[in-house]
Amino acid sequence: MGDIRGWAFGLLRMGREEFGLMRPGEFFEALQTYRDEKNADRRHMGELVRGAALRLFNLQVRKKDRITDPRKFWQMPWDEEIEDKETRIVRELNALSDEERFDKANSLLEKIGWR
């Protein structure tokens, strides 16, 4: 109970009376909102830092070597995973069953004329 009171008084800046009248579900909703706001602030700062770093990087390289997508320059935890074509193909092949792999291998052998 000590941690919960600490969160209420410290993080959420509630008074004793306000905390005492609040239902548990309402308290945890308020706590989740606080966490969401903090995460949004962290993401905003991360995007600013990544953008500034990318601009400095692009100033130092030739025009053809510049990176336009900040996610390719510096991956952040909130970015969707960026995968290249080879990684995607390997992931899809690993998801196949042995039977499907066998069928695909036979299909390839037929296409190249080895069967």
N, C-alpha and C. Protein backbone atom coordinates (compact mmCIF):
# COMPACT_ATOMS: atom_id res chain seq x y z
N MET A 1 0.82 -1.19 0.00
CA MET A 1 0.00 0.00 0.00
C MET A 1 0.86 1.26 0.00
N GLY A 2 2.06 1.14 0.55
CA GLY A 2 2.96 2.29 0.61
C GLY A 2 3.34 2.80 -0.77
N ASP A 3 3.58 1.87 -1.71
CA ASP A 3 3.94 2.28 -3.07
C ASP A 3 2.80 3.02 -3.74
N ILE A 4 1.58 2.52 -3.54
CA ILE A 4 0.42 3.14 -4.18
C ILE A 4 0.21 4.56 -3.66
N ARG A 5 0.32 4.74 -2.34
CA ARG A 5 0.21 6.09 -1.78
C ARG A 5 1.32 6.98 -2.30
N GLY A 6 2.51 6.43 -2.41
CA GLY A 6 3.64 7.19 -2.94
C GLY A 6 3.39 7.65 -4.36
N TRP A 7 2.84 6.75 -5.19
CA TRP A 7 2.50 7.13 -6.57
C TRP A 7 1.45 8.22 -6.58
N ALA A 8 0.44 8.07 -5.73
CA ALA A 8 -0.65 9.05 -5.69
C ALA A 8 -0.14 10.42 -5.25
N PHE A 9 0.64 10.45 -4.17
CA PHE A 9 1.09 11.73 -3.64
C PHE A 9 2.25 12.31 -4.44
N GLY A 10 3.17 11.45 -4.88
CA GLY A 10 4.36 11.92 -5.57
C GLY A 10 4.17 12.14 -7.06
N LEU A 11 3.76 11.08 -7.76
CA LEU A 11 3.63 11.18 -9.22
C LEU A 11 2.41 11.96 -9.66
N LEU A 12 1.28 11.65 -9.05
CA LEU A 12 0.02 12.23 -9.50
C LEU A 12 -0.35 13.51 -8.75
N ARG A 13 0.44 13.87 -7.73
CA ARG A 13 0.24 15.09 -6.96
C ARG A 13 -1.17 15.18 -6.35
N MET A 14 -1.65 14.07 -5.83
CA MET A 14 -2.97 14.04 -5.20
C MET A 14 -2.84 14.36 -3.72
N GLY A 15 -3.92 14.88 -3.16
CA GLY A 15 -3.98 15.08 -1.73
C GLY A 15 -4.59 13.84 -1.07
N ARG A 16 -4.48 13.78 0.27
CA ARG A 16 -5.01 12.62 1.01
C ARG A 16 -6.51 12.44 0.77
N GLU A 17 -7.26 13.53 0.82
CA GLU A 17 -8.71 13.42 0.66
C GLU A 17 -9.07 12.93 -0.74
N GLU A 18 -8.43 13.50 -1.74
CA GLU A 18 -8.69 13.09 -3.12
C GLU A 18 -8.36 11.61 -3.32
N PHE A 19 -7.23 11.19 -2.78
CA PHE A 19 -6.82 9.79 -2.89
C PHE A 19 -7.79 8.87 -2.14
N GLY A 20 -8.22 9.31 -0.98
CA GLY A 20 -9.14 8.50 -0.17
C GLY A 20 -10.50 8.32 -0.81
N LEU A 21 -10.97 9.29 -1.57
CA LEU A 21 -12.28 9.21 -2.20
C LEU A 21 -12.26 8.48 -3.55
N MET A 22 -11.07 8.27 -4.09
CA MET A 22 -10.94 7.68 -5.41
C MET A 22 -11.11 6.17 -5.37
N ARG A 23 -11.81 5.62 -6.34
CA ARG A 23 -11.96 4.17 -6.46
C ARG A 23 -10.66 3.60 -7.04
N PRO A 24 -10.35 2.33 -6.74
CA PRO A 24 -9.11 1.74 -7.25
C PRO A 24 -8.99 1.79 -8.78
N GLY A 25 -10.08 1.51 -9.48
CA GLY A 25 -10.04 1.55 -10.95
C GLY A 25 -9.71 2.94 -11.47
N GLU A 26 -10.28 3.95 -10.85
CA GLU A 26 -10.00 5.34 -11.25
C GLU A 26 -8.54 5.69 -11.00
N PHE A 27 -8.01 5.21 -9.87
CA PHE A 27 -6.61 5.49 -9.56
C PHE A 27 -5.69 4.88 -10.62
N PHE A 28 -5.96 3.64 -10.99
CA PHE A 28 -5.09 2.99 -11.97
C PHE A 28 -5.26 3.58 -13.37
N GLU A 29 -6.44 4.09 -13.68
CA GLU A 29 -6.63 4.83 -14.94
C GLU A 29 -5.78 6.10 -14.93
N ALA A 30 -5.79 6.81 -13.81
CA ALA A 30 -4.98 8.03 -13.70
C ALA A 30 -3.50 7.70 -13.81
N LEU A 31 -3.09 6.62 -13.19
CA LEU A 31 -1.69 6.20 -13.25
C LEU A 31 -1.30 5.83 -14.68
N GLN A 32 -2.19 5.14 -15.41
CA GLN A 32 -1.91 4.77 -16.80
C GLN A 32 -1.81 6.02 -17.67
N THR A 33 -2.68 6.99 -17.42
CA THR A 33 -2.62 8.24 -18.17
C THR A 33 -1.29 8.95 -17.92
N TYR A 34 -0.84 8.95 -16.69
CA TYR A 34 0.45 9.55 -16.35
C TYR A 34 1.57 8.85 -17.12
N ARG A 35 1.55 7.50 -17.12
CA ARG A 35 2.58 6.75 -17.86
C ARG A 35 2.54 7.07 -19.35
N ASP A 36 1.34 7.13 -19.92
CA ASP A 36 1.20 7.43 -21.35
C ASP A 36 1.76 8.82 -21.68
N GLU A 37 1.50 9.79 -20.81
CA GLU A 37 2.03 11.14 -21.02
C GLU A 37 3.55 11.14 -20.95
N LYS A 38 4.12 10.42 -20.00
CA LYS A 38 5.58 10.35 -19.88
C LYS A 38 6.19 9.68 -21.11
N ASN A 39 5.56 8.60 -21.57
CA ASN A 39 6.07 7.93 -22.77
C ASN A 39 5.97 8.82 -24.00
N ALA A 40 4.91 9.59 -24.11
CA ALA A 40 4.78 10.53 -25.23
C ALA A 40 5.88 11.59 -25.17
N ASP A 41 6.19 12.08 -23.97
CA ASP A 41 7.28 13.06 -23.81
C ASP A 41 8.62 12.44 -24.23
N ARG A 42 8.87 11.21 -23.78
CA ARG A 42 10.13 10.53 -24.14
C ARG A 42 10.23 10.33 -25.64
N ARG A 43 9.12 9.93 -26.25
CA ARG A 43 9.14 9.72 -27.70
C ARG A 43 9.41 11.03 -28.44
N HIS A 44 8.78 12.09 -27.99
CA HIS A 44 8.98 13.39 -28.62
C HIS A 44 10.46 13.81 -28.55
N MET A 45 11.04 13.67 -27.37
CA MET A 45 12.46 14.03 -27.21
C MET A 45 13.34 13.12 -28.07
N GLY A 46 13.02 11.82 -28.11
CA GLY A 46 13.78 10.89 -28.94
C GLY A 46 13.72 11.26 -30.41
N GLU A 47 12.55 11.66 -30.88
CA GLU A 47 12.40 12.05 -32.28
C GLU A 47 13.21 13.33 -32.58
N LEU A 48 13.19 14.27 -31.64
CA LEU A 48 13.98 15.49 -31.84
C LEU A 48 15.48 15.18 -31.92
N VAL A 49 15.96 14.34 -31.03
CA VAL A 49 17.38 13.98 -31.01
C VAL A 49 17.74 13.21 -32.28
N ARG A 50 16.91 12.24 -32.66
CA ARG A 50 17.18 11.46 -33.87
C ARG A 50 17.19 12.36 -35.11
N GLY A 51 16.24 13.29 -35.19
CA GLY A 51 16.19 14.20 -36.34
C GLY A 51 17.41 15.09 -36.42
N ALA A 52 17.84 15.62 -35.27
CA ALA A 52 19.03 16.48 -35.26
C ALA A 52 20.28 15.68 -35.63
N ALA A 53 20.40 14.47 -35.11
CA ALA A 53 21.56 13.64 -35.43
C ALA A 53 21.58 13.29 -36.91
N LEU A 54 20.42 13.00 -37.48
CA LEU A 54 20.35 12.67 -38.91
C LEU A 54 20.74 13.87 -39.77
N ARG A 55 20.29 15.05 -39.38
CA ARG A 55 20.67 16.26 -40.14
C ARG A 55 22.19 16.48 -40.10
N LEU A 56 22.78 16.31 -38.94
CA LEU A 56 24.24 16.46 -38.83
C LEU A 56 24.96 15.39 -39.66
N PHE A 57 24.45 14.17 -39.64
CA PHE A 57 25.06 13.10 -40.43
C PHE A 57 24.98 13.43 -41.92
N ASN A 58 23.80 13.85 -42.38
CA ASN A 58 23.60 14.12 -43.80
C ASN A 58 24.44 15.28 -44.30
N LEU A 59 24.82 16.21 -43.42
CA LEU A 59 25.70 17.31 -43.81
C LEU A 59 27.10 16.83 -44.14
N GLN A 60 27.48 15.68 -43.59
CA GLN A 60 28.85 15.21 -43.70
C GLN A 60 29.06 14.17 -44.80
N VAL A 61 28.01 13.74 -45.45
CA VAL A 61 28.15 12.71 -46.49
C VAL A 61 27.73 13.27 -47.84
N ARG A 62 28.14 12.54 -48.88
CA ARG A 62 27.75 12.96 -50.23
C ARG A 62 26.24 12.86 -50.40
N LYS A 63 25.72 13.63 -51.34
CA LYS A 63 24.28 13.70 -51.54
C LYS A 63 23.68 12.32 -51.81
N LYS A 64 24.37 11.50 -52.58
CA LYS A 64 23.83 10.18 -52.92
C LYS A 64 23.83 9.22 -51.73
N ASP A 65 24.63 9.51 -50.68
CA ASP A 65 24.71 8.65 -49.51
C ASP A 65 23.80 9.10 -48.36
N ARG A 66 23.06 10.17 -48.57
CA ARG A 66 22.22 10.70 -47.49
C ARG A 66 21.03 9.77 -47.20
N ILE A 67 20.63 9.77 -45.98
CA ILE A 67 19.52 8.93 -45.52
C ILE A 67 18.31 9.84 -45.33
N THR A 68 17.19 9.41 -45.90
CA THR A 68 15.99 10.24 -45.79
C THR A 68 15.04 9.74 -44.70
N ASP A 69 15.06 8.46 -44.41
CA ASP A 69 14.16 7.89 -43.41
C ASP A 69 14.88 7.81 -42.07
N PRO A 70 14.45 8.60 -41.08
CA PRO A 70 15.13 8.57 -39.77
C PRO A 70 15.16 7.19 -39.13
N ARG A 71 14.15 6.35 -39.42
CA ARG A 71 14.12 5.01 -38.83
C ARG A 71 15.26 4.13 -39.34
N LYS A 72 15.72 4.40 -40.55
CA LYS A 72 16.85 3.63 -41.09
C LYS A 72 18.18 4.13 -40.52
N PHE A 73 18.19 5.36 -40.06
CA PHE A 73 19.41 5.92 -39.47
C PHE A 73 19.59 5.47 -38.03
N TRP A 74 18.51 5.52 -37.26
CA TRP A 74 18.59 5.22 -35.83
C TRP A 74 17.26 4.62 -35.40
N GLN A 75 17.25 3.35 -35.15
CA GLN A 75 16.03 2.65 -34.75
C GLN A 75 15.68 2.95 -33.30
N MET A 76 14.42 3.30 -33.06
CA MET A 76 13.93 3.56 -31.71
C MET A 76 12.94 2.46 -31.31
N PRO A 77 12.73 2.26 -30.02
CA PRO A 77 11.86 1.17 -29.57
C PRO A 77 10.43 1.25 -30.11
N TRP A 78 9.94 2.44 -30.43
CA TRP A 78 8.56 2.59 -30.88
C TRP A 78 8.43 2.44 -32.40
N ASP A 79 9.54 2.31 -33.11
CA ASP A 79 9.48 2.13 -34.55
C ASP A 79 9.01 0.73 -34.89
N GLU A 80 8.31 0.63 -36.00
CA GLU A 80 8.00 -0.69 -36.51
C GLU A 80 9.30 -1.28 -37.02
N GLU A 81 9.39 -2.60 -36.94
CA GLU A 81 10.61 -3.25 -37.40
C GLU A 81 10.76 -3.03 -38.90
N ILE A 82 11.93 -2.58 -39.28
CA ILE A 82 12.23 -2.39 -40.70
C ILE A 82 13.00 -3.62 -41.16
N GLU A 83 12.46 -4.29 -42.17
CA GLU A 83 13.20 -5.44 -42.65
C GLU A 83 13.45 -5.30 -44.14
N ASP A 84 14.62 -5.72 -44.54
CA ASP A 84 14.93 -5.70 -45.95
C ASP A 84 14.33 -6.93 -46.61
N LYS A 85 14.43 -6.99 -47.92
CA LYS A 85 13.79 -8.06 -48.67
C LYS A 85 14.32 -9.44 -48.27
N GLU A 86 15.64 -9.55 -48.10
CA GLU A 86 16.23 -10.85 -47.75
C GLU A 86 15.75 -11.33 -46.38
N THR A 87 15.68 -10.43 -45.42
CA THR A 87 15.22 -10.78 -44.08
C THR A 87 13.78 -11.25 -44.11
N ARG A 88 12.95 -10.56 -44.90
CA ARG A 88 11.54 -10.95 -45.04
C ARG A 88 11.42 -12.34 -45.65
N ILE A 89 12.20 -12.61 -46.70
CA ILE A 89 12.15 -13.92 -47.35
C ILE A 89 12.57 -15.03 -46.39
N VAL A 90 13.65 -14.80 -45.64
CA VAL A 90 14.11 -15.80 -44.68
C VAL A 90 13.05 -16.04 -43.61
N ARG A 91 12.44 -14.97 -43.12
CA ARG A 91 11.39 -15.11 -42.11
C ARG A 91 10.22 -15.93 -42.66
N GLU A 92 9.81 -15.65 -43.91
CA GLU A 92 8.70 -16.39 -44.51
C GLU A 92 9.06 -17.85 -44.73
N LEU A 93 10.30 -18.11 -45.15
CA LEU A 93 10.73 -19.50 -45.35
C LEU A 93 10.79 -20.26 -44.03
N ASN A 94 11.25 -19.60 -42.98
CA ASN A 94 11.30 -20.26 -41.67
C ASN A 94 9.92 -20.60 -41.14
N ALA A 95 8.92 -19.86 -41.58
CA ALA A 95 7.55 -20.11 -41.12
C ALA A 95 6.90 -21.29 -41.84
N LEU A 96 7.50 -21.77 -42.94
CA LEU A 96 6.93 -22.87 -43.70
C LEU A 96 7.15 -24.20 -43.00
N SER A 97 6.22 -25.11 -43.23
CA SER A 97 6.39 -26.47 -42.71
C SER A 97 7.39 -27.22 -43.60
N ASP A 98 7.84 -28.37 -43.16
CA ASP A 98 8.79 -29.17 -43.95
C ASP A 98 8.17 -29.55 -45.29
N GLU A 99 6.91 -29.88 -45.28
CA GLU A 99 6.23 -30.26 -46.52
C GLU A 99 6.17 -29.10 -47.50
N GLU A 100 5.87 -27.90 -46.99
CA GLU A 100 5.82 -26.72 -47.86
C GLU A 100 7.20 -26.39 -48.41
N ARG A 101 8.23 -26.54 -47.60
CA ARG A 101 9.60 -26.30 -48.08
C ARG A 101 9.95 -27.28 -49.20
N PHE A 102 9.59 -28.54 -49.01
CA PHE A 102 9.87 -29.57 -50.01
C PHE A 102 9.18 -29.22 -51.32
N ASP A 103 7.90 -28.81 -51.25
CA ASP A 103 7.16 -28.43 -52.45
C ASP A 103 7.79 -27.23 -53.14
N LYS A 104 8.21 -26.24 -52.38
CA LYS A 104 8.85 -25.05 -52.96
C LYS A 104 10.17 -25.41 -53.63
N ALA A 105 10.96 -26.29 -52.99
CA ALA A 105 12.23 -26.72 -53.57
C ALA A 105 11.99 -27.46 -54.88
N ASN A 106 11.01 -28.34 -54.92
CA ASN A 106 10.69 -29.06 -56.15
C ASN A 106 10.22 -28.12 -57.24
N SER A 107 9.43 -27.14 -56.86
CA SER A 107 8.95 -26.15 -57.82
C SER A 107 10.12 -25.37 -58.42
N LEU A 108 11.06 -24.99 -57.59
CA LEU A 108 12.24 -24.28 -58.08
C LEU A 108 13.06 -25.15 -59.03
N LEU A 109 13.26 -26.41 -58.67
CA LEU A 109 14.02 -27.32 -59.52
C LEU A 109 13.33 -27.51 -60.88
N GLU A 110 12.02 -27.54 -60.90
CA GLU A 110 11.30 -27.66 -62.17
C GLU A 110 11.47 -26.41 -63.01
N LYS A 111 11.43 -25.24 -62.36
CA LYS A 111 11.56 -23.97 -63.09
C LYS A 111 12.94 -23.84 -63.74
N ILE A 112 13.97 -24.32 -63.08
CA ILE A 112 15.32 -24.17 -63.64
C ILE A 112 15.71 -25.36 -64.51
N GLY A 113 14.79 -26.32 -64.66
CA GLY A 113 15.01 -27.43 -65.57
C GLY A 113 15.85 -28.58 -65.02
N TRP A 114 15.91 -28.74 -63.74
CA TRP A 114 16.66 -29.84 -63.15
C TRP A 114 15.76 -31.04 -62.86
N ARG A 115 14.51 -30.98 -63.24
CA ARG A 115 13.58 -32.10 -63.04
C ARG A 115 12.82 -32.35 -64.29
